[in-house]
Amino acid sequence: MIMEIVSHSLEETQAFAARVANELRGGDVVILVGDLGTGKTTFVQGLAKAFGVKEAVRSPTFTVMNIHPAKHPEVNELIHIDFYRMKDPKEILSLGLEEWIGKKDVIIFAEWGSGFLDAVATARVSFEMPDSTTARHIQFDRIEARA
């Protein structure tokens, strides 16, 4: 299933994220792909709001991983990870992600997650800014179950 939008504002990006939230379920691992400044963290902020996260959601660029309690009937926690500063896929072991991956009441959002979590990803969100405007093309794609 593919959903997409051309967003012209933070509000449009977050509203699209709220629509995408309806397509997610506990246990999902969502990889966010796009250059710096294309709206990945803004998108996660919209998702977090849709899942009832009350605290501020900030980029985990320096903290690497943030855990946000959610107030949602099926999802208790959102894990927001930023792999931008990581160079070796083996570094994910230091995060303790094996504790979170596949938990039915947790959703993981991974900025710069390609090459790290591809094997367990259930969805991908791509962000592109095709020209010098502020418009962003955002595409959500549910990854079919692998055999």
N, C-alpha and C. Protein backbone atom coordinates (compact mmCIF):
# COMPACT_ATOMS: atom_id res chain seq x y z
N MET A 1 0.83 -1.17 0.00
CA MET A 1 0.00 0.00 0.00
C MET A 1 0.88 1.24 0.00
N ILE A 2 0.59 2.15 -0.89
CA ILE A 2 1.37 3.39 -0.99
C ILE A 2 0.43 4.57 -0.75
N MET A 3 0.89 5.51 0.06
CA MET A 3 0.21 6.78 0.28
C MET A 3 1.25 7.87 0.03
N GLU A 4 0.84 8.96 -0.60
CA GLU A 4 1.80 10.04 -0.82
C GLU A 4 1.13 11.40 -0.83
N ILE A 5 1.97 12.40 -0.64
CA ILE A 5 1.51 13.78 -0.57
C ILE A 5 2.66 14.70 -1.00
N VAL A 6 2.30 15.87 -1.49
CA VAL A 6 3.26 16.96 -1.63
C VAL A 6 2.88 17.94 -0.53
N SER A 7 3.76 18.09 0.44
CA SER A 7 3.51 18.94 1.59
C SER A 7 4.18 20.29 1.40
N HIS A 8 3.46 21.33 1.78
CA HIS A 8 3.99 22.69 1.68
C HIS A 8 4.20 23.34 3.05
N SER A 9 3.97 22.57 4.12
CA SER A 9 4.10 23.15 5.46
C SER A 9 4.31 22.06 6.50
N LEU A 10 4.74 22.48 7.68
CA LEU A 10 4.87 21.56 8.81
C LEU A 10 3.52 20.94 9.14
N GLU A 11 2.47 21.76 9.09
CA GLU A 11 1.14 21.28 9.42
C GLU A 11 0.67 20.21 8.44
N GLU A 12 0.94 20.40 7.15
CA GLU A 12 0.55 19.39 6.16
C GLU A 12 1.33 18.10 6.36
N THR A 13 2.61 18.22 6.68
CA THR A 13 3.43 17.03 6.94
C THR A 13 2.90 16.28 8.14
N GLN A 14 2.57 16.99 9.21
CA GLN A 14 2.08 16.33 10.41
C GLN A 14 0.68 15.75 10.21
N ALA A 15 -0.15 16.40 9.42
CA ALA A 15 -1.49 15.87 9.12
C ALA A 15 -1.37 14.58 8.31
N PHE A 16 -0.43 14.54 7.37
CA PHE A 16 -0.20 13.31 6.60
C PHE A 16 0.30 12.20 7.52
N ALA A 17 1.17 12.55 8.45
CA ALA A 17 1.68 11.57 9.42
C ALA A 17 0.53 10.98 10.23
N ALA A 18 -0.45 11.81 10.60
CA ALA A 18 -1.60 11.31 11.36
C ALA A 18 -2.40 10.31 10.52
N ARG A 19 -2.52 10.56 9.22
CA ARG A 19 -3.18 9.59 8.33
C ARG A 19 -2.39 8.29 8.26
N VAL A 20 -1.08 8.40 8.16
CA VAL A 20 -0.22 7.21 8.11
C VAL A 20 -0.33 6.43 9.42
N ALA A 21 -0.46 7.13 10.54
CA ALA A 21 -0.57 6.46 11.84
C ALA A 21 -1.71 5.45 11.84
N ASN A 22 -2.77 5.73 11.12
CA ASN A 22 -3.90 4.80 11.04
C ASN A 22 -3.54 3.50 10.34
N GLU A 23 -2.46 3.49 9.59
CA GLU A 23 -2.02 2.31 8.85
C GLU A 23 -0.96 1.50 9.61
N LEU A 24 -0.51 2.03 10.74
CA LEU A 24 0.55 1.37 11.52
C LEU A 24 -0.05 0.56 12.66
N ARG A 25 0.71 -0.41 13.10
CA ARG A 25 0.30 -1.25 14.21
C ARG A 25 1.53 -1.58 15.07
N GLY A 26 1.27 -2.00 16.27
CA GLY A 26 2.36 -2.39 17.15
C GLY A 26 3.23 -3.45 16.50
N GLY A 27 4.53 -3.34 16.73
CA GLY A 27 5.49 -4.26 16.12
C GLY A 27 6.10 -3.73 14.84
N ASP A 28 5.55 -2.65 14.30
CA ASP A 28 6.09 -2.09 13.06
C ASP A 28 7.46 -1.45 13.28
N VAL A 29 8.29 -1.56 12.25
CA VAL A 29 9.58 -0.88 12.19
C VAL A 29 9.54 -0.05 10.92
N VAL A 30 9.55 1.28 11.08
CA VAL A 30 9.40 2.20 9.96
C VAL A 30 10.71 2.91 9.70
N ILE A 31 11.24 2.75 8.49
CA ILE A 31 12.47 3.43 8.11
C ILE A 31 12.11 4.74 7.42
N LEU A 32 12.76 5.83 7.85
CA LEU A 32 12.54 7.16 7.28
C LEU A 32 13.77 7.52 6.45
N VAL A 33 13.55 7.79 5.16
CA VAL A 33 14.65 8.01 4.22
C VAL A 33 14.51 9.41 3.61
N GLY A 34 15.58 10.19 3.67
CA GLY A 34 15.57 11.51 3.05
C GLY A 34 16.76 12.33 3.51
N ASP A 35 17.08 13.32 2.73
CA ASP A 35 18.21 14.19 3.07
C ASP A 35 17.92 15.01 4.32
N LEU A 36 18.95 15.65 4.85
CA LEU A 36 18.79 16.55 5.98
C LEU A 36 17.76 17.63 5.65
N GLY A 37 16.89 17.92 6.60
CA GLY A 37 15.94 19.01 6.42
C GLY A 37 14.74 18.71 5.56
N THR A 38 14.48 17.45 5.26
CA THR A 38 13.33 17.13 4.40
C THR A 38 12.06 16.82 5.18
N GLY A 39 12.11 16.78 6.50
CA GLY A 39 10.90 16.65 7.29
C GLY A 39 10.72 15.36 8.07
N LYS A 40 11.78 14.58 8.22
CA LYS A 40 11.66 13.29 8.92
C LYS A 40 11.22 13.47 10.37
N THR A 41 11.86 14.35 11.11
CA THR A 41 11.49 14.55 12.50
C THR A 41 10.11 15.20 12.61
N THR A 42 9.79 16.12 11.74
CA THR A 42 8.46 16.74 11.73
C THR A 42 7.39 15.67 11.53
N PHE A 43 7.65 14.73 10.65
CA PHE A 43 6.74 13.62 10.39
C PHE A 43 6.56 12.77 11.66
N VAL A 44 7.65 12.45 12.33
CA VAL A 44 7.56 11.66 13.56
C VAL A 44 6.79 12.44 14.63
N GLN A 45 6.93 13.75 14.67
CA GLN A 45 6.16 14.54 15.62
C GLN A 45 4.66 14.38 15.38
N GLY A 46 4.25 14.38 14.10
CA GLY A 46 2.85 14.16 13.76
C GLY A 46 2.38 12.76 14.14
N LEU A 47 3.22 11.77 13.90
CA LEU A 47 2.89 10.39 14.29
C LEU A 47 2.74 10.29 15.80
N ALA A 48 3.68 10.88 16.52
CA ALA A 48 3.65 10.82 17.98
C ALA A 48 2.37 11.43 18.53
N LYS A 49 1.98 12.55 17.98
CA LYS A 49 0.74 13.20 18.42
C LYS A 49 -0.45 12.28 18.17
N ALA A 50 -0.48 11.62 17.01
CA ALA A 50 -1.57 10.70 16.69
C ALA A 50 -1.62 9.51 17.64
N PHE A 51 -0.47 9.12 18.20
CA PHE A 51 -0.42 8.00 19.13
C PHE A 51 -0.51 8.45 20.59
N GLY A 52 -0.81 9.72 20.81
CA GLY A 52 -1.04 10.21 22.16
C GLY A 52 0.20 10.51 22.97
N VAL A 53 1.33 10.73 22.30
CA VAL A 53 2.55 11.12 23.02
C VAL A 53 2.37 12.57 23.47
N LYS A 54 2.56 12.81 24.74
CA LYS A 54 2.36 14.15 25.31
C LYS A 54 3.63 14.98 25.36
N GLU A 55 4.79 14.32 25.47
CA GLU A 55 6.04 15.06 25.60
C GLU A 55 6.53 15.57 24.24
N ALA A 56 7.45 16.51 24.27
CA ALA A 56 8.02 17.05 23.04
C ALA A 56 8.84 15.97 22.34
N VAL A 57 8.70 15.89 21.03
CA VAL A 57 9.47 14.93 20.23
C VAL A 57 10.52 15.73 19.48
N ARG A 58 11.78 15.42 19.79
CA ARG A 58 12.90 16.11 19.16
C ARG A 58 13.75 15.11 18.39
N SER A 59 14.54 15.63 17.49
CA SER A 59 15.43 14.77 16.73
C SER A 59 16.40 14.06 17.67
N PRO A 60 16.57 12.75 17.51
CA PRO A 60 17.52 12.04 18.34
C PRO A 60 18.93 12.00 17.73
N THR A 61 19.30 13.03 16.98
CA THR A 61 20.60 13.05 16.32
C THR A 61 21.74 12.81 17.30
N PHE A 62 21.71 13.44 18.46
CA PHE A 62 22.80 13.32 19.42
C PHE A 62 22.53 12.26 20.48
N THR A 63 21.27 12.04 20.82
CA THR A 63 20.94 11.02 21.81
C THR A 63 20.84 9.64 21.16
N VAL A 64 20.72 9.57 19.87
CA VAL A 64 20.59 8.38 19.03
C VAL A 64 19.22 7.72 19.17
N MET A 65 18.72 7.54 20.39
CA MET A 65 17.43 6.88 20.56
C MET A 65 16.62 7.55 21.66
N ASN A 66 15.37 7.87 21.34
CA ASN A 66 14.45 8.42 22.33
C ASN A 66 13.26 7.48 22.45
N ILE A 67 12.80 7.26 23.65
CA ILE A 67 11.65 6.40 23.92
C ILE A 67 10.53 7.30 24.43
N HIS A 68 9.38 7.25 23.75
CA HIS A 68 8.24 8.10 24.11
C HIS A 68 7.06 7.24 24.53
N PRO A 69 6.56 7.42 25.75
CA PRO A 69 5.35 6.71 26.15
C PRO A 69 4.15 7.23 25.36
N ALA A 70 3.33 6.30 24.89
CA ALA A 70 2.15 6.66 24.10
C ALA A 70 0.89 6.35 24.89
N LYS A 71 -0.14 7.11 24.65
CA LYS A 71 -1.45 6.85 25.24
C LYS A 71 -2.37 6.43 24.09
N HIS A 72 -2.30 5.14 23.78
CA HIS A 72 -3.01 4.58 22.65
C HIS A 72 -3.48 3.19 23.05
N PRO A 73 -4.64 2.75 22.59
CA PRO A 73 -5.15 1.44 23.01
C PRO A 73 -4.24 0.25 22.66
N GLU A 74 -3.46 0.38 21.59
CA GLU A 74 -2.64 -0.75 21.14
C GLU A 74 -1.14 -0.51 21.20
N VAL A 75 -0.74 0.75 21.30
CA VAL A 75 0.69 1.08 21.27
C VAL A 75 1.05 1.82 22.56
N ASN A 76 2.01 1.26 23.30
CA ASN A 76 2.43 1.86 24.57
C ASN A 76 3.67 2.74 24.46
N GLU A 77 4.52 2.46 23.44
CA GLU A 77 5.75 3.24 23.31
C GLU A 77 6.13 3.41 21.85
N LEU A 78 6.67 4.59 21.57
CA LEU A 78 7.27 4.88 20.27
C LEU A 78 8.77 5.01 20.49
N ILE A 79 9.53 4.32 19.68
CA ILE A 79 10.98 4.42 19.73
C ILE A 79 11.40 5.23 18.52
N HIS A 80 12.12 6.31 18.73
CA HIS A 80 12.58 7.19 17.65
C HIS A 80 14.10 7.15 17.63
N ILE A 81 14.65 6.63 16.54
CA ILE A 81 16.09 6.42 16.43
C ILE A 81 16.64 7.22 15.27
N ASP A 82 17.85 7.70 15.41
CA ASP A 82 18.55 8.39 14.32
C ASP A 82 19.90 7.72 14.12
N PHE A 83 20.06 7.09 12.96
CA PHE A 83 21.30 6.37 12.65
C PHE A 83 22.32 7.25 11.91
N TYR A 84 22.06 8.54 11.79
CA TYR A 84 22.90 9.42 10.98
C TYR A 84 24.39 9.34 11.35
N ARG A 85 24.69 9.29 12.62
CA ARG A 85 26.08 9.30 13.07
C ARG A 85 26.69 7.90 13.16
N MET A 86 25.90 6.89 12.95
CA MET A 86 26.42 5.51 13.02
C MET A 86 26.99 5.10 11.67
N LYS A 87 28.09 4.41 11.73
CA LYS A 87 28.76 4.00 10.50
C LYS A 87 28.69 2.50 10.26
N ASP A 88 28.61 1.72 11.32
CA ASP A 88 28.66 0.27 11.23
C ASP A 88 27.35 -0.33 11.73
N PRO A 89 26.68 -1.15 10.91
CA PRO A 89 25.42 -1.76 11.36
C PRO A 89 25.54 -2.51 12.69
N LYS A 90 26.74 -2.96 13.04
CA LYS A 90 26.92 -3.67 14.32
C LYS A 90 26.70 -2.74 15.51
N GLU A 91 26.77 -1.42 15.28
CA GLU A 91 26.56 -0.46 16.36
C GLU A 91 25.15 -0.53 16.93
N ILE A 92 24.20 -1.06 16.17
CA ILE A 92 22.83 -1.13 16.69
C ILE A 92 22.74 -2.06 17.89
N LEU A 93 23.67 -2.97 17.99
CA LEU A 93 23.67 -3.87 19.15
C LEU A 93 23.82 -3.10 20.46
N SER A 94 24.56 -1.99 20.41
CA SER A 94 24.77 -1.19 21.61
C SER A 94 23.50 -0.48 22.07
N LEU A 95 22.50 -0.38 21.19
CA LEU A 95 21.25 0.29 21.54
C LEU A 95 20.27 -0.62 22.28
N GLY A 96 20.50 -1.91 22.22
CA GLY A 96 19.56 -2.85 22.84
C GLY A 96 18.26 -2.97 22.07
N LEU A 97 18.31 -2.75 20.77
CA LEU A 97 17.09 -2.79 19.95
C LEU A 97 16.41 -4.14 19.94
N GLU A 98 17.16 -5.20 20.15
CA GLU A 98 16.54 -6.53 20.13
C GLU A 98 15.43 -6.63 21.17
N GLU A 99 15.51 -5.81 22.21
CA GLU A 99 14.47 -5.77 23.25
C GLU A 99 13.17 -5.18 22.71
N TRP A 100 13.27 -4.31 21.71
CA TRP A 100 12.11 -3.58 21.21
C TRP A 100 11.54 -4.13 19.91
N ILE A 101 12.39 -4.65 19.05
CA ILE A 101 11.94 -5.11 17.73
C ILE A 101 10.95 -6.25 17.88
N GLY A 102 9.80 -6.07 17.24
CA GLY A 102 8.76 -7.10 17.24
C GLY A 102 7.80 -7.05 18.41
N LYS A 103 8.05 -6.18 19.39
CA LYS A 103 7.09 -6.06 20.50
C LYS A 103 5.78 -5.51 19.95
N LYS A 104 4.68 -6.15 20.29
CA LYS A 104 3.38 -5.81 19.71
C LYS A 104 2.79 -4.50 20.24
N ASP A 105 3.41 -3.90 21.24
CA ASP A 105 2.90 -2.63 21.74
C ASP A 105 3.90 -1.49 21.52
N VAL A 106 4.84 -1.70 20.60
CA VAL A 106 5.90 -0.72 20.30
C VAL A 106 5.99 -0.50 18.80
N ILE A 107 6.20 0.74 18.40
CA ILE A 107 6.51 1.06 17.01
C ILE A 107 7.85 1.77 16.99
N ILE A 108 8.72 1.35 16.08
CA ILE A 108 10.05 1.94 15.94
C ILE A 108 10.08 2.80 14.69
N PHE A 109 10.55 4.04 14.83
CA PHE A 109 10.76 4.95 13.71
C PHE A 109 12.25 5.23 13.62
N ALA A 110 12.84 4.90 12.48
CA ALA A 110 14.29 4.98 12.34
C ALA A 110 14.69 5.94 11.23
N GLU A 111 15.17 7.12 11.61
CA GLU A 111 15.73 8.05 10.62
C GLU A 111 17.09 7.51 10.18
N TRP A 112 17.36 7.59 8.89
CA TRP A 112 18.61 7.09 8.33
C TRP A 112 18.77 5.59 8.62
N GLY A 113 17.66 4.86 8.67
CA GLY A 113 17.67 3.45 9.06
C GLY A 113 18.04 2.47 7.96
N SER A 114 18.09 2.91 6.70
CA SER A 114 18.48 1.99 5.63
C SER A 114 19.89 1.49 5.87
N GLY A 115 20.08 0.20 5.65
CA GLY A 115 21.38 -0.42 5.89
C GLY A 115 21.53 -0.92 7.31
N PHE A 116 20.64 -0.49 8.19
CA PHE A 116 20.68 -0.93 9.58
C PHE A 116 19.50 -1.85 9.90
N LEU A 117 18.30 -1.44 9.49
CA LEU A 117 17.10 -2.19 9.88
C LEU A 117 16.31 -2.73 8.69
N ASP A 118 16.91 -2.77 7.51
CA ASP A 118 16.19 -3.23 6.32
C ASP A 118 15.57 -4.61 6.51
N ALA A 119 16.27 -5.50 7.18
CA ALA A 119 15.80 -6.88 7.32
C ALA A 119 14.53 -7.00 8.17
N VAL A 120 14.27 -6.02 9.04
CA VAL A 120 13.11 -6.10 9.92
C VAL A 120 12.07 -5.00 9.64
N ALA A 121 12.34 -4.15 8.65
CA ALA A 121 11.43 -3.04 8.35
C ALA A 121 10.09 -3.56 7.83
N THR A 122 9.02 -2.91 8.29
CA THR A 122 7.68 -3.24 7.82
C THR A 122 7.10 -2.11 6.97
N ALA A 123 7.75 -0.93 7.02
CA ALA A 123 7.29 0.20 6.23
C ALA A 123 8.45 1.15 5.99
N ARG A 124 8.30 1.96 4.95
CA ARG A 124 9.32 2.95 4.60
C ARG A 124 8.60 4.26 4.26
N VAL A 125 9.16 5.37 4.75
CA VAL A 125 8.65 6.69 4.39
C VAL A 125 9.81 7.44 3.74
N SER A 126 9.59 7.89 2.50
CA SER A 126 10.63 8.60 1.75
C SER A 126 10.27 10.07 1.67
N PHE A 127 11.29 10.91 1.81
CA PHE A 127 11.13 12.37 1.79
C PHE A 127 12.04 12.94 0.71
N GLU A 128 11.48 13.74 -0.18
CA GLU A 128 12.28 14.39 -1.22
C GLU A 128 11.84 15.83 -1.37
N MET A 129 12.82 16.69 -1.62
CA MET A 129 12.55 18.08 -1.98
C MET A 129 13.06 18.24 -3.41
N PRO A 130 12.16 18.10 -4.39
CA PRO A 130 12.59 18.02 -5.78
C PRO A 130 13.20 19.29 -6.36
N ASP A 131 12.95 20.43 -5.75
CA ASP A 131 13.55 21.67 -6.24
C ASP A 131 13.85 22.57 -5.07
N SER A 132 14.12 23.80 -5.33
CA SER A 132 14.54 24.72 -4.27
C SER A 132 13.36 25.30 -3.47
N THR A 133 12.16 24.85 -3.74
CA THR A 133 11.02 25.33 -2.96
C THR A 133 10.97 24.60 -1.63
N THR A 134 9.97 24.93 -0.84
CA THR A 134 9.81 24.25 0.44
C THR A 134 8.92 23.01 0.31
N ALA A 135 8.39 22.75 -0.87
CA ALA A 135 7.52 21.59 -1.07
C ALA A 135 8.31 20.30 -0.87
N ARG A 136 7.66 19.35 -0.20
CA ARG A 136 8.28 18.05 0.05
C ARG A 136 7.37 16.97 -0.50
N HIS A 137 7.96 16.04 -1.20
CA HIS A 137 7.21 14.87 -1.64
C HIS A 137 7.45 13.79 -0.59
N ILE A 138 6.37 13.31 0.03
CA ILE A 138 6.47 12.30 1.08
C ILE A 138 5.67 11.08 0.64
N GLN A 139 6.30 9.92 0.73
CA GLN A 139 5.65 8.69 0.31
C GLN A 139 5.78 7.62 1.39
N PHE A 140 4.65 7.06 1.78
CA PHE A 140 4.60 5.95 2.73
C PHE A 140 4.38 4.68 1.94
N ASP A 141 5.14 3.65 2.26
CA ASP A 141 5.02 2.38 1.55
C ASP A 141 5.10 1.25 2.56
N ARG A 142 4.05 0.46 2.64
CA ARG A 142 4.05 -0.73 3.51
C ARG A 142 4.86 -1.80 2.80
N ILE A 143 5.83 -2.36 3.48
CA ILE A 143 6.68 -3.40 2.89
C ILE A 143 5.98 -4.74 3.08
N GLU A 144 5.82 -5.46 2.00
CA GLU A 144 5.17 -6.77 2.06
C GLU A 144 6.00 -7.71 2.92
N ALA A 145 5.32 -8.62 3.58
CA ALA A 145 6.00 -9.60 4.42
C ALA A 145 7.00 -10.40 3.58
N ARG A 146 8.16 -10.59 4.12
CA ARG A 146 9.18 -11.34 3.41
C ARG A 146 9.02 -12.83 3.69
N ALA A 147 9.28 -13.64 2.67
CA ALA A 147 9.15 -15.10 2.84
C ALA A 147 10.33 -15.65 3.59
